[in-house]
């Protein structure tokens, strides 16, 4: 074989090698598998029954109004706490008020523990509007069992409330004919996030 043929053969081999590298025309084994994954958010769904806790007329100092209502967790997630937001407006019938009617309405909210009622809130409407208490919080033992805060999914909690138009022994005539419109908003919050780990 002469030099010219050897050189030509060498160039062809080199060209073939470059074309394989450049074009990536090489074979390899392969396989693939898919996983099916899903993320579904849970729900918080708080309801209150009845939706009107109190609606009374002709109140006088010394009157007490006892009511009960039920908070129900209709969602799929546990409720960690239920914060109570209080707003009210006073209609001054004779436009003669020099004090806030809400200061004269005492509120006691009690958490039902089946065998006992434990006060959660005991204050005036005036002070309550600047607070957001957790009305499902209970830190006392009932018998030998301590009830957890919040409302588990699918469960209910009965709440008792006592309103009192406090008779302070002084002239309260300025409130005759007045109306106090109370708006309570119950804000449910979730429990803390959960860490999920599967290392198997």
N, C-alpha and C. Protein backbone atom coordinates (compact mmCIF):
# COMPACT_ATOMS: atom_id res chain seq x y z
N UNK A 1 0.87 -1.18 0.00
CA UNK A 1 0.00 0.00 0.00
C UNK A 1 0.90 1.22 0.00
N UNK A 2 0.64 2.11 -0.93
CA UNK A 2 1.54 3.26 -1.02
C UNK A 2 1.14 4.35 -0.02
N UNK A 3 1.99 5.33 0.09
CA UNK A 3 1.80 6.40 1.08
C UNK A 3 0.52 7.19 0.83
N UNK A 4 0.16 7.38 -0.44
CA UNK A 4 -1.02 8.16 -0.77
C UNK A 4 -2.28 7.45 -0.29
N UNK A 5 -2.32 6.12 -0.44
CA UNK A 5 -3.49 5.35 0.02
C UNK A 5 -3.58 5.35 1.53
N UNK A 6 -2.44 5.21 2.22
CA UNK A 6 -2.43 5.21 3.69
C UNK A 6 -2.92 6.56 4.23
N UNK A 7 -2.48 7.60 3.60
CA UNK A 7 -2.89 8.95 4.04
C UNK A 7 -4.38 9.15 3.83
N UNK A 8 -4.86 8.69 2.67
CA UNK A 8 -6.28 8.83 2.37
C UNK A 8 -7.12 8.03 3.36
N UNK A 9 -6.69 6.80 3.69
CA UNK A 9 -7.39 5.95 4.64
C UNK A 9 -7.40 6.58 6.03
N UNK A 10 -6.27 7.20 6.42
CA UNK A 10 -6.18 7.86 7.72
C UNK A 10 -7.14 9.03 7.84
N UNK A 11 -7.21 9.82 6.76
CA UNK A 11 -8.15 10.96 6.78
C UNK A 11 -9.60 10.49 6.87
N UNK A 12 -9.93 9.41 6.18
CA UNK A 12 -11.31 8.89 6.21
C UNK A 12 -11.66 8.38 7.61
N UNK A 13 -10.70 7.69 8.25
CA UNK A 13 -10.94 7.18 9.61
C UNK A 13 -11.14 8.34 10.58
N UNK A 14 -10.30 9.35 10.46
CA UNK A 14 -10.40 10.52 11.34
C UNK A 14 -11.73 11.24 11.12
N UNK A 15 -12.14 11.37 9.85
CA UNK A 15 -13.39 12.05 9.53
C UNK A 15 -14.58 11.29 10.11
N UNK A 16 -14.51 9.93 10.04
CA UNK A 16 -15.58 9.11 10.58
C UNK A 16 -15.66 9.28 12.10
N UNK A 17 -14.49 9.30 12.75
CA UNK A 17 -14.46 9.50 14.20
C UNK A 17 -15.03 10.84 14.61
N UNK A 18 -14.67 11.89 13.88
CA UNK A 18 -15.19 13.22 14.19
C UNK A 18 -16.70 13.29 13.99
N UNK A 19 -17.19 12.61 12.96
CA UNK A 19 -18.63 12.64 12.71
C UNK A 19 -19.39 11.92 13.82
N UNK A 20 -18.81 10.86 14.37
CA UNK A 20 -19.45 10.14 15.48
C UNK A 20 -19.49 11.00 16.74
N UNK A 21 -18.38 11.70 17.00
CA UNK A 21 -18.33 12.57 18.17
C UNK A 21 -19.27 13.75 18.00
N UNK A 22 -19.21 14.40 16.86
CA UNK A 22 -20.02 15.60 16.63
C UNK A 22 -21.50 15.28 16.54
N UNK A 23 -21.84 14.19 15.89
CA UNK A 23 -23.26 13.87 15.71
C UNK A 23 -23.85 13.15 16.88
N UNK A 24 -23.04 12.61 17.80
CA UNK A 24 -23.54 11.91 18.96
C UNK A 24 -24.28 10.64 18.61
N UNK A 25 -23.91 10.02 17.56
CA UNK A 25 -24.61 8.82 17.12
C UNK A 25 -24.01 7.60 17.78
N UNK A 26 -24.28 7.49 19.12
CA UNK A 26 -23.80 6.30 19.82
C UNK A 26 -24.99 5.71 20.57
N UNK A 27 -24.94 4.46 20.82
CA UNK A 27 -26.04 3.74 21.46
C UNK A 27 -25.79 3.58 22.95
N UNK A 28 -26.91 3.55 23.79
CA UNK A 28 -26.77 3.32 25.22
C UNK A 28 -28.09 2.72 25.72
N UNK A 29 -28.03 2.03 26.88
CA UNK A 29 -29.23 1.50 27.51
C UNK A 29 -30.00 2.63 28.18
N UNK A 30 -31.31 2.55 28.23
CA UNK A 30 -32.10 3.56 28.94
C UNK A 30 -33.36 2.92 29.52
N UNK A 31 -33.90 3.61 30.52
CA UNK A 31 -35.13 3.16 31.14
C UNK A 31 -35.75 4.38 31.84
N UNK A 32 -37.03 4.38 32.11
CA UNK A 32 -37.67 5.48 32.82
C UNK A 32 -38.86 4.96 33.60
N UNK A 33 -39.19 5.68 34.65
CA UNK A 33 -40.34 5.34 35.46
C UNK A 33 -40.96 6.64 35.98
N UNK A 34 -42.26 6.70 36.12
CA UNK A 34 -42.96 7.88 36.59
C UNK A 34 -43.60 7.61 37.94
N UNK A 35 -43.68 8.65 38.77
CA UNK A 35 -44.43 8.55 40.02
C UNK A 35 -45.63 9.49 39.93
N UNK A 36 -46.70 9.08 40.55
CA UNK A 36 -47.91 9.89 40.57
C UNK A 36 -48.01 10.58 41.94
N UNK A 37 -47.94 11.91 41.97
CA UNK A 37 -47.92 12.66 43.21
C UNK A 37 -49.08 13.64 43.24
N UNK A 38 -49.54 13.95 44.45
CA UNK A 38 -50.65 14.89 44.58
C UNK A 38 -50.52 15.66 45.90
N UNK A 39 -50.91 16.91 45.86
CA UNK A 39 -50.98 17.74 47.05
C UNK A 39 -52.41 18.28 47.15
N UNK A 40 -53.07 17.98 48.25
CA UNK A 40 -54.43 18.48 48.45
C UNK A 40 -54.48 19.26 49.75
N UNK A 41 -54.90 20.49 49.67
CA UNK A 41 -54.99 21.34 50.86
C UNK A 41 -56.22 20.96 51.67
N UNK A 42 -56.06 20.94 52.99
CA UNK A 42 -57.18 20.70 53.87
C UNK A 42 -58.03 21.96 54.00
N UNK A 43 -59.10 21.85 54.75
CA UNK A 43 -60.02 22.98 54.88
C UNK A 43 -60.27 23.31 56.35
N UNK A 44 -60.43 24.59 56.61
CA UNK A 44 -60.94 25.06 57.88
C UNK A 44 -62.35 25.58 57.63
N UNK A 45 -63.31 25.06 58.36
CA UNK A 45 -64.70 25.45 58.13
C UNK A 45 -65.39 25.54 59.49
N UNK A 46 -65.47 26.75 60.01
CA UNK A 46 -66.07 26.98 61.32
C UNK A 46 -67.48 27.52 61.16
N UNK A 47 -68.41 26.92 61.89
CA UNK A 47 -69.77 27.43 61.88
C UNK A 47 -70.22 27.69 63.31
N UNK A 48 -71.18 28.59 63.44
CA UNK A 48 -71.73 28.91 64.76
C UNK A 48 -73.24 28.78 64.70
N UNK A 49 -73.81 28.19 65.74
CA UNK A 49 -75.25 27.98 65.80
C UNK A 49 -75.74 28.29 67.21
N UNK A 50 -76.68 29.21 67.39
CA UNK A 50 -77.32 30.02 66.35
C UNK A 50 -76.42 31.17 65.91
N UNK A 51 -76.77 31.79 64.79
CA UNK A 51 -75.93 32.88 64.29
C UNK A 51 -76.27 34.22 64.95
N UNK A 52 -77.36 34.28 65.71
CA UNK A 52 -77.67 35.45 66.54
C UNK A 52 -77.62 34.97 67.99
N UNK A 53 -76.63 35.45 68.73
CA UNK A 53 -76.45 34.98 70.10
C UNK A 53 -77.44 35.64 71.04
N UNK A 54 -77.65 36.94 70.89
CA UNK A 54 -78.58 37.63 71.79
C UNK A 54 -79.27 38.78 71.05
N UNK A 55 -80.56 38.94 71.32
CA UNK A 55 -81.33 40.03 70.73
C UNK A 55 -82.45 40.35 71.72
N UNK A 56 -82.19 41.30 72.60
CA UNK A 56 -83.14 41.63 73.66
C UNK A 56 -83.44 43.12 73.70
N UNK A 57 -84.63 43.43 74.16
CA UNK A 57 -85.04 44.83 74.36
C UNK A 57 -85.48 45.00 75.82
N UNK A 58 -85.72 46.23 76.21
CA UNK A 58 -86.22 46.57 77.54
C UNK A 58 -85.29 46.14 78.67
N UNK A 59 -83.98 46.24 78.44
CA UNK A 59 -83.04 45.90 79.50
C UNK A 59 -83.00 47.02 80.54
N UNK A 60 -82.68 46.62 81.77
CA UNK A 60 -82.52 47.59 82.84
C UNK A 60 -81.30 47.19 83.66
N UNK A 61 -80.69 48.11 84.38
CA UNK A 61 -79.54 47.77 85.20
C UNK A 61 -79.86 46.60 86.15
N UNK A 62 -78.96 45.66 86.20
CA UNK A 62 -79.14 44.47 87.02
C UNK A 62 -79.58 43.26 86.23
N UNK A 63 -80.08 43.44 85.00
CA UNK A 63 -80.51 42.31 84.19
C UNK A 63 -79.32 41.46 83.77
N UNK A 64 -79.54 40.14 83.72
CA UNK A 64 -78.54 39.19 83.23
C UNK A 64 -79.15 38.35 82.12
N UNK A 65 -78.40 38.12 81.08
CA UNK A 65 -78.88 37.35 79.93
C UNK A 65 -77.92 36.20 79.70
N UNK A 66 -78.43 35.00 79.81
CA UNK A 66 -77.62 33.79 79.62
C UNK A 66 -77.94 33.18 78.26
N UNK A 67 -76.91 32.90 77.51
CA UNK A 67 -77.09 32.27 76.20
C UNK A 67 -76.02 31.20 76.00
N UNK A 68 -76.31 30.28 75.10
CA UNK A 68 -75.31 29.30 74.72
C UNK A 68 -75.33 29.14 73.20
N UNK A 69 -74.16 28.83 72.66
CA UNK A 69 -74.05 28.61 71.23
C UNK A 69 -73.00 27.54 70.98
N UNK A 70 -73.03 26.99 69.80
CA UNK A 70 -72.14 25.88 69.46
C UNK A 70 -71.22 26.29 68.32
N UNK A 71 -69.93 26.05 68.51
CA UNK A 71 -68.95 26.19 67.44
C UNK A 71 -68.66 24.81 66.88
N UNK A 72 -68.72 24.66 65.57
CA UNK A 72 -68.50 23.36 64.94
C UNK A 72 -67.41 23.46 63.89
N UNK A 73 -66.49 22.52 63.93
CA UNK A 73 -65.44 22.44 62.92
C UNK A 73 -65.89 21.47 61.83
N UNK A 74 -66.38 22.02 60.73
CA UNK A 74 -66.86 21.19 59.62
C UNK A 74 -65.77 20.90 58.60
N UNK A 75 -64.56 21.36 58.86
CA UNK A 75 -63.46 21.16 57.91
C UNK A 75 -62.73 19.85 58.13
N UNK A 76 -61.64 19.68 57.39
CA UNK A 76 -60.83 18.46 57.48
C UNK A 76 -59.59 18.65 58.34
N UNK A 77 -59.32 19.90 58.76
CA UNK A 77 -58.16 20.20 59.58
C UNK A 77 -58.59 20.58 60.99
N UNK A 78 -57.76 20.24 61.96
CA UNK A 78 -58.02 20.66 63.33
C UNK A 78 -57.90 22.17 63.44
N UNK A 79 -58.77 22.76 64.24
CA UNK A 79 -58.68 24.18 64.54
C UNK A 79 -57.85 24.35 65.81
N UNK A 80 -56.80 25.14 65.72
CA UNK A 80 -55.91 25.35 66.85
C UNK A 80 -56.52 26.29 67.88
N UNK A 81 -57.16 27.35 67.39
CA UNK A 81 -57.80 28.29 68.29
C UNK A 81 -58.85 29.08 67.53
N UNK A 82 -59.77 29.66 68.29
CA UNK A 82 -60.81 30.51 67.72
C UNK A 82 -60.74 31.86 68.42
N UNK A 83 -60.30 32.87 67.69
CA UNK A 83 -60.14 34.20 68.25
C UNK A 83 -61.42 35.01 68.06
N UNK A 84 -61.84 35.64 69.14
CA UNK A 84 -63.08 36.42 69.11
C UNK A 84 -62.77 37.89 68.88
N UNK A 85 -63.36 38.45 67.83
CA UNK A 85 -63.21 39.86 67.52
C UNK A 85 -64.53 40.56 67.82
N UNK A 86 -64.47 41.61 68.64
CA UNK A 86 -65.68 42.29 69.11
C UNK A 86 -65.75 43.71 68.56
N UNK A 87 -66.88 44.00 67.99
CA UNK A 87 -67.18 45.37 67.56
C UNK A 87 -68.61 45.68 67.97
N UNK A 88 -68.86 46.92 68.36
CA UNK A 88 -70.22 47.32 68.68
C UNK A 88 -70.42 48.80 68.39
N UNK A 89 -71.69 49.16 68.24
CA UNK A 89 -72.06 50.56 68.04
C UNK A 89 -73.24 50.87 68.95
N UNK A 90 -73.19 52.04 69.55
CA UNK A 90 -74.25 52.47 70.46
C UNK A 90 -75.11 53.52 69.78
N UNK A 91 -76.42 53.30 69.83
CA UNK A 91 -77.38 54.31 69.36
C UNK A 91 -77.85 55.09 70.58
N UNK A 92 -77.43 56.32 70.69
CA UNK A 92 -77.77 57.18 71.83
C UNK A 92 -79.12 57.84 71.56
N UNK A 93 -80.17 57.29 72.18
CA UNK A 93 -81.54 57.70 71.87
C UNK A 93 -81.78 59.19 72.13
N UNK A 94 -81.26 59.69 73.24
CA UNK A 94 -81.52 61.09 73.60
C UNK A 94 -80.29 61.98 73.38
N UNK A 95 -79.25 61.41 72.81
CA UNK A 95 -78.02 62.15 72.54
C UNK A 95 -77.49 62.84 73.81
N UNK A 96 -77.53 62.08 74.91
CA UNK A 96 -77.11 62.66 76.19
C UNK A 96 -76.03 61.82 76.89
N UNK A 97 -75.45 60.85 76.19
CA UNK A 97 -74.47 59.98 76.83
C UNK A 97 -73.15 60.71 77.08
N UNK A 98 -72.65 60.58 78.31
CA UNK A 98 -71.30 61.06 78.61
C UNK A 98 -70.39 59.89 79.00
N UNK A 99 -70.88 58.68 78.72
CA UNK A 99 -70.11 57.47 79.00
C UNK A 99 -70.44 56.45 77.92
N UNK A 100 -69.58 55.47 77.77
CA UNK A 100 -69.78 54.42 76.77
C UNK A 100 -70.67 53.33 77.38
N UNK A 101 -71.78 53.06 76.72
CA UNK A 101 -72.72 52.03 77.20
C UNK A 101 -72.01 50.68 77.37
N UNK A 102 -71.03 50.41 76.52
CA UNK A 102 -70.31 49.13 76.58
C UNK A 102 -69.56 48.92 77.88
N UNK A 103 -69.23 49.99 78.58
CA UNK A 103 -68.54 49.87 79.87
C UNK A 103 -69.46 49.30 80.94
N UNK A 104 -70.76 49.34 80.69
CA UNK A 104 -71.74 48.90 81.67
C UNK A 104 -72.30 47.51 81.36
N UNK A 105 -71.79 46.90 80.29
CA UNK A 105 -72.22 45.55 79.93
C UNK A 105 -71.06 44.59 80.22
N UNK A 106 -71.26 43.75 81.22
CA UNK A 106 -70.24 42.76 81.58
C UNK A 106 -70.49 41.48 80.78
N UNK A 107 -69.39 40.87 80.31
CA UNK A 107 -69.48 39.65 79.51
C UNK A 107 -68.65 38.57 80.19
N UNK A 108 -69.27 37.43 80.40
CA UNK A 108 -68.55 36.25 80.89
C UNK A 108 -68.76 35.14 79.89
N UNK A 109 -67.68 34.68 79.29
CA UNK A 109 -67.75 33.57 78.33
C UNK A 109 -67.17 32.34 79.00
N UNK A 110 -67.93 31.27 78.94
CA UNK A 110 -67.53 30.03 79.60
C UNK A 110 -67.41 28.91 78.58
N UNK A 111 -66.41 28.09 78.77
CA UNK A 111 -66.13 26.98 77.88
C UNK A 111 -66.71 25.72 78.51
N UNK A 112 -67.56 25.03 77.77
CA UNK A 112 -68.21 23.84 78.30
C UNK A 112 -67.25 22.65 78.28
N UNK A 113 -67.06 22.05 79.43
CA UNK A 113 -66.19 20.88 79.52
C UNK A 113 -66.97 19.64 79.94
N UNK A 114 -68.24 19.62 79.62
CA UNK A 114 -69.15 18.51 79.90
C UNK A 114 -69.49 18.39 81.39
N UNK A 115 -68.48 18.39 82.25
CA UNK A 115 -68.76 18.25 83.67
C UNK A 115 -68.56 19.54 84.44
N UNK A 116 -68.13 20.58 83.78
CA UNK A 116 -67.92 21.87 84.45
C UNK A 116 -67.84 22.97 83.41
N UNK A 117 -68.07 24.17 83.85
CA UNK A 117 -67.89 25.32 82.97
C UNK A 117 -66.78 26.18 83.53
N UNK A 118 -65.84 26.50 82.70
CA UNK A 118 -64.67 27.25 83.12
C UNK A 118 -64.67 28.60 82.42
N UNK A 119 -64.65 29.71 83.17
CA UNK A 119 -64.62 31.03 82.52
C UNK A 119 -63.37 31.21 81.67
N UNK A 120 -63.56 31.67 80.45
CA UNK A 120 -62.45 31.98 79.56
C UNK A 120 -62.25 33.49 79.49
N UNK A 121 -63.37 34.20 79.46
CA UNK A 121 -63.35 35.66 79.37
C UNK A 121 -64.30 36.22 80.43
N UNK A 122 -63.86 37.24 81.14
CA UNK A 122 -64.73 37.93 82.11
C UNK A 122 -64.31 39.39 82.12
N UNK A 123 -65.05 40.20 81.38
CA UNK A 123 -64.68 41.61 81.21
C UNK A 123 -65.90 42.38 80.73
N UNK A 124 -65.72 43.65 80.41
CA UNK A 124 -66.81 44.45 79.84
C UNK A 124 -66.71 44.42 78.32
N UNK A 125 -67.81 44.74 77.66
CA UNK A 125 -67.78 44.84 76.20
C UNK A 125 -66.78 45.90 75.76
N UNK A 126 -66.69 46.96 76.53
CA UNK A 126 -65.76 48.05 76.20
C UNK A 126 -64.32 47.54 76.15
N UNK A 127 -63.93 46.76 77.15
CA UNK A 127 -62.56 46.22 77.17
C UNK A 127 -62.39 45.08 76.17
N UNK A 128 -63.46 44.32 75.96
CA UNK A 128 -63.37 43.17 75.07
C UNK A 128 -63.10 43.59 73.63
N UNK A 129 -63.55 44.78 73.23
CA UNK A 129 -63.35 45.20 71.85
C UNK A 129 -61.87 45.46 71.54
N UNK A 130 -61.05 45.59 72.58
CA UNK A 130 -59.61 45.76 72.39
C UNK A 130 -58.83 44.48 72.65
N UNK A 131 -59.54 43.37 72.71
CA UNK A 131 -58.92 42.07 72.95
C UNK A 131 -59.36 41.09 71.86
N UNK A 132 -58.59 40.04 71.68
CA UNK A 132 -58.97 38.95 70.77
C UNK A 132 -58.70 37.63 71.48
N UNK A 133 -59.51 37.30 72.48
CA UNK A 133 -59.26 36.08 73.25
C UNK A 133 -59.56 34.82 72.45
N UNK A 134 -58.84 33.77 72.78
CA UNK A 134 -59.14 32.45 72.22
C UNK A 134 -60.23 31.85 73.08
N UNK A 135 -61.44 31.75 72.55
CA UNK A 135 -62.54 31.29 73.38
C UNK A 135 -62.60 29.77 73.49
N UNK A 136 -61.67 29.07 72.86
CA UNK A 136 -61.59 27.62 73.06
C UNK A 136 -60.42 27.25 73.97
N UNK A 137 -59.73 28.25 74.50
CA UNK A 137 -58.57 27.98 75.36
C UNK A 137 -59.05 27.56 76.74
N UNK A 138 -58.45 26.51 77.24
CA UNK A 138 -58.76 26.07 78.59
C UNK A 138 -57.50 25.46 79.19
N UNK A 139 -57.09 25.97 80.32
CA UNK A 139 -55.84 25.54 80.93
C UNK A 139 -56.05 24.81 82.25
N UNK A 140 -57.29 24.45 82.53
CA UNK A 140 -57.57 23.78 83.79
C UNK A 140 -57.96 22.33 83.55
N UNK A 141 -57.67 21.49 84.53
CA UNK A 141 -58.06 20.09 84.45
C UNK A 141 -59.51 19.94 84.86
N UNK A 142 -60.20 19.06 84.18
CA UNK A 142 -61.57 18.72 84.54
C UNK A 142 -61.53 17.25 84.93
N UNK A 143 -61.66 17.01 86.23
CA UNK A 143 -61.42 15.66 86.72
C UNK A 143 -59.94 15.35 86.56
N UNK A 144 -59.62 14.30 85.85
CA UNK A 144 -58.22 13.94 85.62
C UNK A 144 -57.79 14.20 84.18
N UNK A 145 -58.68 14.82 83.42
CA UNK A 145 -58.41 15.02 81.99
C UNK A 145 -58.26 16.51 81.70
N UNK A 146 -57.23 16.85 80.95
CA UNK A 146 -57.09 18.22 80.49
C UNK A 146 -57.55 18.31 79.06
N UNK A 147 -58.54 19.14 78.83
CA UNK A 147 -59.07 19.29 77.49
C UNK A 147 -58.13 20.10 76.64
N UNK A 148 -57.91 19.70 75.39
CA UNK A 148 -57.03 20.49 74.52
C UNK A 148 -57.72 21.76 74.04
N UNK A 149 -56.91 22.74 73.68
CA UNK A 149 -57.44 23.95 73.07
C UNK A 149 -57.93 23.61 71.66
N UNK A 150 -58.69 24.54 71.11
CA UNK A 150 -59.12 24.37 69.72
C UNK A 150 -60.28 23.41 69.58
N UNK A 151 -60.57 23.09 68.30
CA UNK A 151 -61.66 22.17 67.97
C UNK A 151 -61.16 21.18 66.93
N UNK A 152 -61.06 19.91 67.26
CA UNK A 152 -60.64 18.91 66.26
C UNK A 152 -61.61 18.85 65.09
N UNK A 153 -61.12 18.41 63.95
CA UNK A 153 -61.95 18.28 62.75
C UNK A 153 -63.15 17.39 63.05
N UNK A 154 -64.32 17.88 62.63
CA UNK A 154 -65.54 17.10 62.78
C UNK A 154 -66.18 17.18 64.15
N UNK A 155 -65.61 17.97 65.06
CA UNK A 155 -66.17 18.04 66.41
C UNK A 155 -66.79 19.40 66.70
N UNK A 156 -67.52 19.46 67.82
CA UNK A 156 -68.23 20.68 68.23
C UNK A 156 -67.81 21.07 69.64
N UNK A 157 -67.95 22.35 69.93
CA UNK A 157 -67.74 22.84 71.29
C UNK A 157 -68.87 23.78 71.65
N UNK A 158 -69.46 23.53 72.81
CA UNK A 158 -70.54 24.40 73.27
C UNK A 158 -69.95 25.51 74.13
N UNK A 159 -70.35 26.73 73.84
CA UNK A 159 -69.86 27.90 74.56
C UNK A 159 -71.04 28.57 75.26
N UNK A 160 -70.84 28.94 76.52
CA UNK A 160 -71.85 29.67 77.28
C UNK A 160 -71.41 31.12 77.43
N UNK A 161 -72.38 32.02 77.38
CA UNK A 161 -72.05 33.43 77.57
C UNK A 161 -73.10 34.07 78.48
N UNK A 162 -72.64 34.90 79.40
CA UNK A 162 -73.52 35.61 80.30
C UNK A 162 -73.27 37.10 80.14
N UNK A 163 -74.31 37.83 79.73
CA UNK A 163 -74.25 39.29 79.64
C UNK A 163 -74.94 39.87 80.88
N UNK A 164 -74.38 40.91 81.43
CA UNK A 164 -75.00 41.58 82.57
C UNK A 164 -74.95 43.09 82.38
N UNK A 165 -76.12 43.70 82.46
CA UNK A 165 -76.20 45.16 82.49
C UNK A 165 -75.94 45.54 83.94
N UNK A 166 -74.71 45.92 84.23
CA UNK A 166 -74.27 46.09 85.61
C UNK A 166 -74.97 47.28 86.26
N UNK A 167 -75.56 47.01 87.42
CA UNK A 167 -76.13 48.09 88.23
C UNK A 167 -75.02 48.61 89.13
N UNK A 168 -74.51 49.78 88.81
CA UNK A 168 -73.37 50.32 89.58
C UNK A 168 -73.81 51.18 90.76
N UNK A 169 -75.14 51.19 91.02
CA UNK A 169 -75.63 51.94 92.17
C UNK A 169 -75.66 53.44 91.96
N UNK A 170 -75.42 53.87 90.74
CA UNK A 170 -75.40 55.30 90.43
C UNK A 170 -76.44 55.59 89.36
N UNK A 171 -76.55 56.86 89.01
CA UNK A 171 -77.51 57.28 88.01
C UNK A 171 -77.07 56.79 86.63
N UNK A 172 -77.88 55.91 86.03
CA UNK A 172 -77.60 55.39 84.68
C UNK A 172 -78.72 55.77 83.71
N UNK A 173 -79.45 56.83 84.04
CA UNK A 173 -80.59 57.25 83.22
C UNK A 173 -80.19 57.62 81.80
N UNK A 174 -78.93 57.99 81.60
CA UNK A 174 -78.50 58.39 80.25
C UNK A 174 -78.65 57.26 79.23
N UNK A 175 -78.73 56.02 79.70
CA UNK A 175 -78.82 54.89 78.78
C UNK A 175 -80.26 54.47 78.48
N UNK A 176 -81.23 55.15 79.06
CA UNK A 176 -82.62 54.79 78.78
C UNK A 176 -82.91 54.97 77.29
N UNK A 177 -83.47 53.92 76.69
CA UNK A 177 -83.84 53.96 75.26
C UNK A 177 -82.69 53.71 74.31
N UNK A 178 -81.46 53.59 74.84
CA UNK A 178 -80.29 53.37 73.97
C UNK A 178 -80.27 51.93 73.45
N UNK A 179 -79.59 51.75 72.36
CA UNK A 179 -79.40 50.41 71.79
C UNK A 179 -77.91 50.17 71.58
N UNK A 180 -77.50 48.96 71.83
CA UNK A 180 -76.12 48.56 71.57
C UNK A 180 -76.15 47.40 70.58
N UNK A 181 -75.56 47.61 69.43
CA UNK A 181 -75.51 46.56 68.40
C UNK A 181 -74.13 45.92 68.43
N UNK A 182 -74.12 44.65 68.77
CA UNK A 182 -72.88 43.90 68.96
C UNK A 182 -72.61 43.00 67.76
N UNK A 183 -71.37 43.05 67.28
CA UNK A 183 -70.95 42.18 66.18
C UNK A 183 -69.78 41.34 66.65
N UNK A 184 -69.97 40.04 66.69
CA UNK A 184 -68.89 39.12 67.05
C UNK A 184 -68.43 38.36 65.81
N UNK A 185 -67.14 38.35 65.59
CA UNK A 185 -66.55 37.56 64.50
C UNK A 185 -65.65 36.50 65.13
N UNK A 186 -65.87 35.25 64.73
CA UNK A 186 -65.09 34.13 65.24
C UNK A 186 -64.06 33.74 64.18
N UNK A 187 -62.78 33.94 64.48
CA UNK A 187 -61.71 33.66 63.52
C UNK A 187 -60.97 32.38 63.90
N UNK A 188 -61.15 31.36 63.08
CA UNK A 188 -60.49 30.08 63.32
C UNK A 188 -59.10 30.08 62.71
N UNK A 189 -58.14 29.51 63.43
CA UNK A 189 -56.77 29.38 62.93
C UNK A 189 -56.34 27.92 62.99
N UNK A 190 -55.52 27.55 62.03
CA UNK A 190 -55.05 26.17 61.93
C UNK A 190 -54.01 25.85 63.00
N UNK A 191 -53.76 24.56 63.17
CA UNK A 191 -52.66 24.12 64.02
C UNK A 191 -51.34 24.37 63.30
N UNK A 192 -50.23 24.17 64.00
CA UNK A 192 -48.92 24.35 63.38
C UNK A 192 -48.72 23.31 62.27
N UNK A 193 -47.80 23.64 61.33
CA UNK A 193 -47.50 22.72 60.24
C UNK A 193 -46.90 21.43 60.75
N UNK A 194 -47.11 20.37 59.99
CA UNK A 194 -46.60 19.03 60.33
C UNK A 194 -45.46 18.66 59.39
N UNK A 195 -44.42 18.07 59.95
CA UNK A 195 -43.29 17.60 59.14
C UNK A 195 -43.54 16.16 58.74
N UNK A 196 -43.56 15.90 57.44
CA UNK A 196 -43.80 14.55 56.93
C UNK A 196 -42.48 14.00 56.40
N UNK A 197 -42.10 12.82 56.88
CA UNK A 197 -40.82 12.22 56.48
C UNK A 197 -41.02 10.74 56.26
N UNK A 198 -40.63 10.28 55.10
CA UNK A 198 -40.69 8.85 54.80
C UNK A 198 -39.36 8.46 54.20
N UNK A 199 -38.50 7.91 55.01
CA UNK A 199 -37.15 7.56 54.55
C UNK A 199 -37.03 6.08 54.23
N UNK A 200 -38.13 5.34 54.30
CA UNK A 200 -38.08 3.89 54.00
C UNK A 200 -38.12 3.64 52.49
